[in-house]
Amino acid sequence: MIADELHQHGSVCHAPVYPREVCIRALELQASAVIATHAHPSGDPEPSRADIDMTKRIRDALKTIGVTLLDHIVVTPTGAVSFQTRGLL
């Protein structure tokens, strides 16, 4: 692991994520892969439609610069869901 960083801090119902910014940071770190995580304060770890759509946008943006999105994990106080395990990547 090269780095473990907080990219954005959001509100209870939304955290803005910009694929361009994720790509910039991956390039700065000379990363070959990224694992994304985010919290669901509601306690439900199921990815929302917005989570799925944004993950695909990030995956596609990273792919254009030769970086792999290995996984995106939604974390709650009681559990976690992996996009990779669910076949969402």
PDB file of N, CA and C in Angstrom:
ATOM      1  N   MET A   1       0.848  -1.169   0.000  1.00  0.00           N
ATOM      2  CA  MET A   1       0.000   0.000   0.000  1.00  0.00           C
ATOM      3  C   MET A   1       0.894   1.233   0.000  1.00  0.00           C
ATOM      4  N   ILE A   2       0.576   2.141  -0.905  1.00  0.00           N
ATOM      5  CA  ILE A   2       1.334   3.384  -1.027  1.00  0.00           C
ATOM      6  C   ILE A   2       0.799   4.435  -0.063  1.00  0.00           C
ATOM      7  N   ALA A   3      -0.536   4.552   0.017  1.00  0.00           N
ATOM      8  CA  ALA A   3      -1.142   5.591   0.851  1.00  0.00           C
ATOM      9  C   ALA A   3      -2.549   5.188   1.268  1.00  0.00           C
ATOM     10  N   ASP A   4      -2.975   5.731   2.376  1.00  0.00           N
ATOM     11  CA  ASP A   4      -4.339   5.574   2.888  1.00  0.00           C
ATOM     12  C   ASP A   4      -4.806   6.991   3.192  1.00  0.00           C
ATOM     13  N   GLU A   5      -5.695   7.506   2.338  1.00  0.00           N
ATOM     14  CA  GLU A   5      -6.046   8.924   2.434  1.00  0.00           C
ATOM     15  C   GLU A   5      -7.544   9.153   2.409  1.00  0.00           C
ATOM     16  N   LEU A   6      -7.965  10.215   3.070  1.00  0.00           N
ATOM     17  CA  LEU A   6      -9.337  10.699   2.981  1.00  0.00           C
ATOM     18  C   LEU A   6      -9.405  11.613   1.767  1.00  0.00           C
ATOM     19  N   HIS A   7     -10.244  11.254   0.823  1.00  0.00           N
ATOM     20  CA  HIS A   7     -10.355  12.056  -0.399  1.00  0.00           C
ATOM     21  C   HIS A   7     -11.405  13.152  -0.257  1.00  0.00           C
ATOM     22  N   GLN A   8     -12.544  12.815   0.306  1.00  0.00           N
ATOM     23  CA  GLN A   8     -13.630  13.784   0.496  1.00  0.00           C
ATOM     24  C   GLN A   8     -14.306  13.526   1.835  1.00  0.00           C
ATOM     25  N   HIS A   9     -14.896  14.563   2.372  1.00  0.00           N
ATOM     26  CA  HIS A   9     -15.704  14.439   3.581  1.00  0.00           C
ATOM     27  C   HIS A   9     -17.078  14.980   3.226  1.00  0.00           C
ATOM     28  N   GLY A  10     -18.101  14.175   3.425  1.00  0.00           N
ATOM     29  CA  GLY A  10     -19.433  14.578   2.993  1.00  0.00           C
ATOM     30  C   GLY A  10     -20.381  14.825   4.144  1.00  0.00           C
ATOM     31  N   SER A  11     -21.647  14.940   3.781  1.00  0.00           N
ATOM     32  CA  SER A  11     -22.711  15.135   4.758  1.00  0.00           C
ATOM     33  C   SER A  11     -23.327  13.772   5.067  1.00  0.00           C
ATOM     34  N   VAL A  12     -24.426  13.789   5.764  1.00  0.00           N
ATOM     35  CA  VAL A  12     -25.115  12.555   6.124  1.00  0.00           C
ATOM     36  C   VAL A  12     -25.600  11.801   4.891  1.00  0.00           C
ATOM     37  N   CYS A  13     -25.954  12.521   3.835  1.00  0.00           N
ATOM     38  CA  CYS A  13     -26.554  11.850   2.675  1.00  0.00           C
ATOM     39  C   CYS A  13     -25.773  12.003   1.374  1.00  0.00           C
ATOM     40  N   HIS A  14     -24.610  12.674   1.384  1.00  0.00           N
ATOM     41  CA  HIS A  14     -23.896  12.861   0.130  1.00  0.00           C
ATOM     42  C   HIS A  14     -22.435  13.242   0.376  1.00  0.00           C
ATOM     43  N   ALA A  15     -21.566  12.628  -0.416  1.00  0.00           N
ATOM     44  CA  ALA A  15     -20.153  13.024  -0.417  1.00  0.00           C
ATOM     45  C   ALA A  15     -19.737  13.200  -1.873  1.00  0.00           C
ATOM     46  N   PRO A  16     -19.370  14.390  -2.262  1.00  0.00           N
ATOM     47  CA  PRO A  16     -18.994  14.610  -3.658  1.00  0.00           C
ATOM     48  C   PRO A  16     -17.682  13.898  -4.003  1.00  0.00           C
ATOM     49  N   VAL A  17     -17.695  13.194  -5.118  1.00  0.00           N
ATOM     50  CA  VAL A  17     -16.501  12.511  -5.600  1.00  0.00           C
ATOM     51  C   VAL A  17     -16.342  12.863  -7.069  1.00  0.00           C
ATOM     52  N   TYR A  18     -15.140  13.272  -7.430  1.00  0.00           N
ATOM     53  CA  TYR A  18     -14.857  13.665  -8.797  1.00  0.00           C
ATOM     54  C   TYR A  18     -13.815  12.711  -9.378  1.00  0.00           C
ATOM     55  N   PRO A  19     -14.216  11.900 -10.372  1.00  0.00           N
ATOM     56  CA  PRO A  19     -13.269  10.944 -10.960  1.00  0.00           C
ATOM     57  C   PRO A  19     -11.955  11.594 -11.378  1.00  0.00           C
ATOM     58  N   ARG A  20     -12.015  12.805 -11.876  1.00  0.00           N
ATOM     59  CA  ARG A  20     -10.802  13.522 -12.286  1.00  0.00           C
ATOM     60  C   ARG A  20      -9.833  13.668 -11.120  1.00  0.00           C
ATOM     61  N   GLU A  21     -10.349  14.019  -9.947  1.00  0.00           N
ATOM     62  CA  GLU A  21      -9.504  14.197  -8.769  1.00  0.00           C
ATOM     63  C   GLU A  21      -8.913  12.871  -8.300  1.00  0.00           C
ATOM     64  N   VAL A  22      -9.690  11.797  -8.415  1.00  0.00           N
ATOM     65  CA  VAL A  22      -9.184  10.469  -8.057  1.00  0.00           C
ATOM     66  C   VAL A  22      -8.029  10.105  -8.989  1.00  0.00           C
ATOM     67  N   CYS A  23      -8.191  10.381 -10.273  1.00  0.00           N
ATOM     68  CA  CYS A  23      -7.134  10.100 -11.252  1.00  0.00           C
ATOM     69  C   CYS A  23      -5.883  10.932 -10.986  1.00  0.00           C
ATOM     70  N   ILE A  24      -6.069  12.194 -10.688  1.00  0.00           N
ATOM     71  CA  ILE A  24      -4.924  13.064 -10.405  1.00  0.00           C
ATOM     72  C   ILE A  24      -4.120  12.513  -9.234  1.00  0.00           C
ATOM     73  N   ARG A  25      -4.808  12.140  -8.173  1.00  0.00           N
ATOM     74  CA  ARG A  25      -4.090  11.632  -6.990  1.00  0.00           C
ATOM     75  C   ARG A  25      -3.413  10.301  -7.284  1.00  0.00           C
ATOM     76  N   ALA A  26      -4.062   9.431  -8.043  1.00  0.00           N
ATOM     77  CA  ALA A  26      -3.448   8.153  -8.410  1.00  0.00           C
ATOM     78  C   ALA A  26      -2.167   8.383  -9.203  1.00  0.00           C
ATOM     79  N   LEU A  27      -2.196   9.348 -10.112  1.00  0.00           N
ATOM     80  CA  LEU A  27      -1.004   9.667 -10.890  1.00  0.00           C
ATOM     81  C   LEU A  27       0.091  10.268 -10.008  1.00  0.00           C
ATOM     82  N   GLU A  28      -0.291  11.151  -9.102  1.00  0.00           N
ATOM     83  CA  GLU A  28       0.693  11.756  -8.193  1.00  0.00           C
ATOM     84  C   GLU A  28       1.418  10.686  -7.374  1.00  0.00           C
ATOM     85  N   LEU A  29       0.678   9.661  -6.967  1.00  0.00           N
ATOM     86  CA  LEU A  29       1.254   8.588  -6.150  1.00  0.00           C
ATOM     87  C   LEU A  29       1.895   7.486  -6.993  1.00  0.00           C
ATOM     88  N   GLN A  30       1.773   7.603  -8.313  1.00  0.00           N
ATOM     89  CA  GLN A  30       2.252   6.580  -9.236  1.00  0.00           C
ATOM     90  C   GLN A  30       1.634   5.219  -8.900  1.00  0.00           C
ATOM     91  N   ALA A  31       0.356   5.239  -8.571  1.00  0.00           N
ATOM     92  CA  ALA A  31      -0.367   4.020  -8.204  1.00  0.00           C
ATOM     93  C   ALA A  31      -0.695   3.195  -9.441  1.00  0.00           C
ATOM     94  N   SER A  32      -0.708   1.897  -9.275  1.00  0.00           N
ATOM     95  CA  SER A  32      -1.145   1.017 -10.353  1.00  0.00           C
ATOM     96  C   SER A  32      -2.565   0.520 -10.094  1.00  0.00           C
ATOM     97  N   ALA A  33      -3.036   0.704  -8.858  1.00  0.00           N
ATOM     98  CA  ALA A  33      -4.385   0.262  -8.493  1.00  0.00           C
ATOM     99  C   ALA A  33      -4.904   1.114  -7.341  1.00  0.00           C
ATOM    100  N   VAL A  34      -6.228   1.124  -7.212  1.00  0.00           N
ATOM    101  CA  VAL A  34      -6.912   1.895  -6.168  1.00  0.00           C
ATOM    102  C   VAL A  34      -7.990   1.012  -5.549  1.00  0.00           C
ATOM    103  N   ILE A  35      -8.179   1.157  -4.246  1.00  0.00           N
ATOM    104  CA  ILE A  35      -9.327   0.584  -3.547  1.00  0.00           C
ATOM    105  C   ILE A  35     -10.057   1.756  -2.913  1.00  0.00           C
ATOM    106  N   ALA A  36     -11.320   1.914  -3.266  1.00  0.00           N
ATOM    107  CA  ALA A  36     -12.136   3.004  -2.714  1.00  0.00           C
ATOM    108  C   ALA A  36     -13.002   2.471  -1.581  1.00  0.00           C
ATOM    109  N   THR A  37     -13.252   3.311  -0.608  1.00  0.00           N
ATOM    110  CA  THR A  37     -14.180   2.974   0.471  1.00  0.00           C
ATOM    111  C   THR A  37     -15.018   4.207   0.793  1.00  0.00           C
ATOM    112  N   HIS A  38     -16.197   3.965   1.301  1.00  0.00           N
ATOM    113  CA  HIS A  38     -16.964   5.065   1.869  1.00  0.00           C
ATOM    114  C   HIS A  38     -17.948   4.513   2.881  1.00  0.00           C
ATOM    115  N   ALA A  39     -18.401   5.376   3.754  1.00  0.00           N
ATOM    116  CA  ALA A  39     -19.296   4.977   4.841  1.00  0.00           C
ATOM    117  C   ALA A  39     -20.746   5.263   4.485  1.00  0.00           C
ATOM    118  N   HIS A  40     -21.611   4.442   5.023  1.00  0.00           N
ATOM    119  CA  HIS A  40     -23.055   4.687   4.990  1.00  0.00           C
ATOM    120  C   HIS A  40     -23.493   4.869   6.437  1.00  0.00           C
ATOM    121  N   PRO A  41     -23.618   6.105   6.890  1.00  0.00           N
ATOM    122  CA  PRO A  41     -24.010   6.351   8.279  1.00  0.00           C
ATOM    123  C   PRO A  41     -25.368   5.752   8.648  1.00  0.00           C
ATOM    124  N   SER A  42     -26.193   5.487   7.637  1.00  0.00           N
ATOM    125  CA  SER A  42     -27.518   4.910   7.899  1.00  0.00           C
ATOM    126  C   SER A  42     -27.420   3.519   8.496  1.00  0.00           C
ATOM    127  N   GLY A  43     -26.275   2.862   8.293  1.00  0.00           N
ATOM    128  CA  GLY A  43     -26.110   1.511   8.803  1.00  0.00           C
ATOM    129  C   GLY A  43     -26.402   0.441   7.768  1.00  0.00           C
ATOM    130  N   ASP A  44     -26.973   0.807   6.634  1.00  0.00           N
ATOM    131  CA  ASP A  44     -27.267  -0.149   5.565  1.00  0.00           C
ATOM    132  C   ASP A  44     -26.099  -0.151   4.586  1.00  0.00           C
ATOM    133  N   PRO A  45     -25.340  -1.254   4.502  1.00  0.00           N
ATOM    134  CA  PRO A  45     -24.171  -1.279   3.639  1.00  0.00           C
ATOM    135  C   PRO A  45     -24.466  -1.511   2.155  1.00  0.00           C
ATOM    136  N   GLU A  46     -25.721  -1.711   1.801  1.00  0.00           N
ATOM    137  CA  GLU A  46     -26.062  -1.966   0.401  1.00  0.00           C
ATOM    138  C   GLU A  46     -25.750  -0.749  -0.463  1.00  0.00           C
ATOM    139  N   PRO A  47     -25.014  -0.949  -1.566  1.00  0.00           N
ATOM    140  CA  PRO A  47     -24.700   0.171  -2.461  1.00  0.00           C
ATOM    141  C   PRO A  47     -25.965   0.745  -3.097  1.00  0.00           C
ATOM    142  N   SER A  48     -26.036   2.058  -3.136  1.00  0.00           N
ATOM    143  CA  SER A  48     -27.160   2.730  -3.789  1.00  0.00           C
ATOM    144  C   SER A  48     -26.902   2.773  -5.295  1.00  0.00           C
ATOM    145  N   ARG A  49     -27.917   3.124  -6.051  1.00  0.00           N
ATOM    146  CA  ARG A  49     -27.750   3.291  -7.502  1.00  0.00           C
ATOM    147  C   ARG A  49     -26.682   4.342  -7.783  1.00  0.00           C
ATOM    148  N   ALA A  50     -26.687   5.424  -6.989  1.00  0.00           N
ATOM    149  CA  ALA A  50     -25.680   6.475  -7.152  1.00  0.00           C
ATOM    150  C   ALA A  50     -24.275   5.939  -6.859  1.00  0.00           C
ATOM    151  N   ASP A  51     -24.139   5.086  -5.853  1.00  0.00           N
ATOM    152  CA  ASP A  51     -22.845   4.475  -5.534  1.00  0.00           C
ATOM    153  C   ASP A  51     -22.344   3.637  -6.714  1.00  0.00           C
ATOM    154  N   ILE A  52     -23.231   2.852  -7.280  1.00  0.00           N
ATOM    155  CA  ILE A  52     -22.875   1.976  -8.397  1.00  0.00           C
ATOM    156  C   ILE A  52     -22.469   2.797  -9.618  1.00  0.00           C
ATOM    157  N   ASP A  53     -23.258   3.814  -9.928  1.00  0.00           N
ATOM    158  CA  ASP A  53     -22.959   4.665 -11.089  1.00  0.00           C
ATOM    159  C   ASP A  53     -21.631   5.396 -10.919  1.00  0.00           C
ATOM    160  N   MET A  54     -21.394   5.959  -9.747  1.00  0.00           N
ATOM    161  CA  MET A  54     -20.150   6.693  -9.510  1.00  0.00           C
ATOM    162  C   MET A  54     -18.950   5.752  -9.559  1.00  0.00           C
ATOM    163  N   THR A  55     -19.109   4.560  -9.031  1.00  0.00           N
ATOM    164  CA  THR A  55     -18.019   3.584  -9.058  1.00  0.00           C
ATOM    165  C   THR A  55     -17.633   3.255 -10.495  1.00  0.00           C
ATOM    166  N   LYS A  56     -18.623   3.095 -11.347  1.00  0.00           N
ATOM    167  CA  LYS A  56     -18.340   2.817 -12.764  1.00  0.00           C
ATOM    168  C   LYS A  56     -17.628   3.995 -13.422  1.00  0.00           C
ATOM    169  N   ARG A  57     -18.028   5.205 -13.080  1.00  0.00           N
ATOM    170  CA  ARG A  57     -17.365   6.394 -13.635  1.00  0.00           C
ATOM    171  C   ARG A  57     -15.905   6.470 -13.181  1.00  0.00           C
ATOM    172  N   ILE A  58     -15.671   6.188 -11.910  1.00  0.00           N
ATOM    173  CA  ILE A  58     -14.298   6.194 -11.387  1.00  0.00           C
ATOM    174  C   ILE A  58     -13.491   5.080 -12.036  1.00  0.00           C
ATOM    175  N   ARG A  59     -14.064   3.880 -12.115  1.00  0.00           N
ATOM    176  CA  ARG A  59     -13.371   2.743 -12.747  1.00  0.00           C
ATOM    177  C   ARG A  59     -12.962   3.082 -14.182  1.00  0.00           C
ATOM    178  N   ASP A  60     -13.901   3.642 -14.942  1.00  0.00           N
ATOM    179  CA  ASP A  60     -13.633   3.964 -16.338  1.00  0.00           C
ATOM    180  C   ASP A  60     -12.587   5.065 -16.483  1.00  0.00           C
ATOM    181  N   ALA A  61     -12.640   6.069 -15.609  1.00  0.00           N
ATOM    182  CA  ALA A  61     -11.654   7.156 -15.652  1.00  0.00           C
ATOM    183  C   ALA A  61     -10.263   6.620 -15.316  1.00  0.00           C
ATOM    184  N   LEU A  62     -10.168   5.804 -14.284  1.00  0.00           N
ATOM    185  CA  LEU A  62      -8.880   5.234 -13.908  1.00  0.00           C
ATOM    186  C   LEU A  62      -8.316   4.347 -15.014  1.00  0.00           C
ATOM    187  N   LYS A  63      -9.193   3.613 -15.676  1.00  0.00           N
ATOM    188  CA  LYS A  63      -8.756   2.717 -16.745  1.00  0.00           C
ATOM    189  C   LYS A  63      -8.049   3.489 -17.853  1.00  0.00           C
ATOM    190  N   THR A  64      -8.507   4.715 -18.126  1.00  0.00           N
ATOM    191  CA  THR A  64      -7.902   5.504 -19.208  1.00  0.00           C
ATOM    192  C   THR A  64      -6.461   5.904 -18.905  1.00  0.00           C
ATOM    193  N   ILE A  65      -6.084   5.877 -17.624  1.00  0.00           N
ATOM    194  CA  ILE A  65      -4.701   6.218 -17.261  1.00  0.00           C
ATOM    195  C   ILE A  65      -3.919   4.984 -16.807  1.00  0.00           C
ATOM    196  N   GLY A  66      -4.466   3.807 -17.057  1.00  0.00           N
ATOM    197  CA  GLY A  66      -3.754   2.573 -16.745  1.00  0.00           C
ATOM    198  C   GLY A  66      -3.751   2.182 -15.287  1.00  0.00           C
ATOM    199  N   VAL A  67      -4.758   2.636 -14.541  1.00  0.00           N
ATOM    200  CA  VAL A  67      -4.871   2.306 -13.127  1.00  0.00           C
ATOM    201  C   VAL A  67      -6.133   1.461 -12.938  1.00  0.00           C
ATOM    202  N   THR A  68      -6.019   0.400 -12.151  1.00  0.00           N
ATOM    203  CA  THR A  68      -7.131  -0.520 -11.913  1.00  0.00           C
ATOM    204  C   THR A  68      -7.864  -0.160 -10.630  1.00  0.00           C
ATOM    205  N   LEU A  69      -9.189  -0.126 -10.688  1.00  0.00           N
ATOM    206  CA  LEU A  69      -9.998  -0.012  -9.466  1.00  0.00           C
ATOM    207  C   LEU A  69     -10.223  -1.436  -8.974  1.00  0.00           C
ATOM    208  N   LEU A  70      -9.505  -1.828  -7.929  1.00  0.00           N
ATOM    209  CA  LEU A  70      -9.578  -3.195  -7.423  1.00  0.00           C
ATOM    210  C   LEU A  70     -10.891  -3.491  -6.714  1.00  0.00           C
ATOM    211  N   ASP A  71     -11.368  -2.527  -5.950  1.00  0.00           N
ATOM    212  CA  ASP A  71     -12.607  -2.731  -5.204  1.00  0.00           C
ATOM    213  C   ASP A  71     -13.126  -1.392  -4.713  1.00  0.00           C
ATOM    214  N   HIS A  72     -14.378  -1.391  -4.356  1.00  0.00           N
ATOM    215  CA  HIS A  72     -15.027  -0.267  -3.683  1.00  0.00           C
ATOM    216  C   HIS A  72     -15.819  -0.910  -2.559  1.00  0.00           C
ATOM    217  N   ILE A  73     -15.558  -0.492  -1.348  1.00  0.00           N
ATOM    218  CA  ILE A  73     -16.172  -1.119  -0.184  1.00  0.00           C
ATOM    219  C   ILE A  73     -17.008  -0.089   0.555  1.00  0.00           C
ATOM    220  N   VAL A  74     -18.268  -0.440   0.789  1.00  0.00           N
ATOM    221  CA  VAL A  74     -19.164   0.394   1.589  1.00  0.00           C
ATOM    222  C   VAL A  74     -19.093  -0.135   3.016  1.00  0.00           C
ATOM    223  N   VAL A  75     -18.808   0.762   3.950  1.00  0.00           N
ATOM    224  CA  VAL A  75     -18.595   0.372   5.342  1.00  0.00           C
ATOM    225  C   VAL A  75     -19.667   0.993   6.235  1.00  0.00           C
ATOM    226  N   THR A  76     -20.151   0.204   7.183  1.00  0.00           N
ATOM    227  CA  THR A  76     -21.073   0.701   8.205  1.00  0.00           C
ATOM    228  C   THR A  76     -20.568   0.222   9.562  1.00  0.00           C
ATOM    229  N   PRO A  77     -21.158   0.710  10.642  1.00  0.00           N
ATOM    230  CA  PRO A  77     -20.735   0.221  11.964  1.00  0.00           C
ATOM    231  C   PRO A  77     -20.978  -1.282  12.153  1.00  0.00           C
ATOM    232  N   THR A  78     -21.870  -1.862  11.361  1.00  0.00           N
ATOM    233  CA  THR A  78     -22.213  -3.269  11.571  1.00  0.00           C
ATOM    234  C   THR A  78     -21.779  -4.206  10.448  1.00  0.00           C
ATOM    235  N   GLY A  79     -21.177  -3.677   9.392  1.00  0.00           N
ATOM    236  CA  GLY A  79     -20.767  -4.559   8.306  1.00  0.00           C
ATOM    237  C   GLY A  79     -20.191  -3.794   7.129  1.00  0.00           C
ATOM    238  N   ALA A  80     -19.923  -4.537   6.058  1.00  0.00           N
ATOM    239  CA  ALA A  80     -19.359  -3.931   4.854  1.00  0.00           C
ATOM    240  C   ALA A  80     -19.799  -4.736   3.632  1.00  0.00           C
ATOM    241  N   VAL A  81     -19.819  -4.065   2.486  1.00  0.00           N
ATOM    242  CA  VAL A  81     -20.148  -4.713   1.218  1.00  0.00           C
ATOM    243  C   VAL A  81     -19.061  -4.370   0.210  1.00  0.00           C
ATOM    244  N   SER A  82     -18.538  -5.406  -0.446  1.00  0.00           N
ATOM    245  CA  SER A  82     -17.517  -5.247  -1.466  1.00  0.00           C
ATOM    246  C   SER A  82     -18.169  -5.284  -2.845  1.00  0.00           C
ATOM    247  N   PHE A  83     -17.881  -4.259  -3.644  1.00  0.00           N
ATOM    248  CA  PHE A  83     -18.389  -4.229  -5.022  1.00  0.00           C
ATOM    249  C   PHE A  83     -17.807  -5.389  -5.819  1.00  0.00           C
ATOM    250  N   GLN A  84     -16.537  -5.710  -5.585  1.00  0.00           N
ATOM    251  CA  GLN A  84     -15.881  -6.806  -6.296  1.00  0.00           C
ATOM    252  C   GLN A  84     -16.594  -8.128  -5.997  1.00  0.00           C
ATOM    253  N   THR A  85     -16.866  -8.386  -4.739  1.00  0.00           N
ATOM    254  CA  THR A  85     -17.533  -9.624  -4.343  1.00  0.00           C
ATOM    255  C   THR A  85     -18.930  -9.700  -4.929  1.00  0.00           C
ATOM    256  N   ARG A  86     -19.611  -8.573  -5.022  1.00  0.00           N
ATOM    257  CA  ARG A  86     -20.972  -8.533  -5.551  1.00  0.00           C
ATOM    258  C   ARG A  86     -21.015  -8.526  -7.089  1.00  0.00           C
ATOM    259  N   GLY A  87     -19.854  -8.479  -7.730  1.00  0.00           N
ATOM    260  CA  GLY A  87     -19.821  -8.451  -9.187  1.00  0.00           C
ATOM    261  C   GLY A  87     -20.209  -7.115  -9.779  1.00  0.00           C
ATOM    262  N   LEU A  88     -20.025  -6.051  -9.012  1.00  0.00           N
ATOM    263  CA  LEU A  88     -20.405  -4.708  -9.456  1.00  0.00           C
ATOM    264  C   LEU A  88     -19.242  -3.949 -10.101  1.00  0.00           C
ATOM    265  N   LEU A  89     -18.088  -4.584 -10.225  1.00  0.00           N
ATOM    266  CA  LEU A  89     -16.945  -3.941 -10.882  1.00  0.00           C
ATOM    267  C   LEU A  89     -16.634  -4.646 -12.176  1.00  0.00           C
TER     268      LEU A  89
END
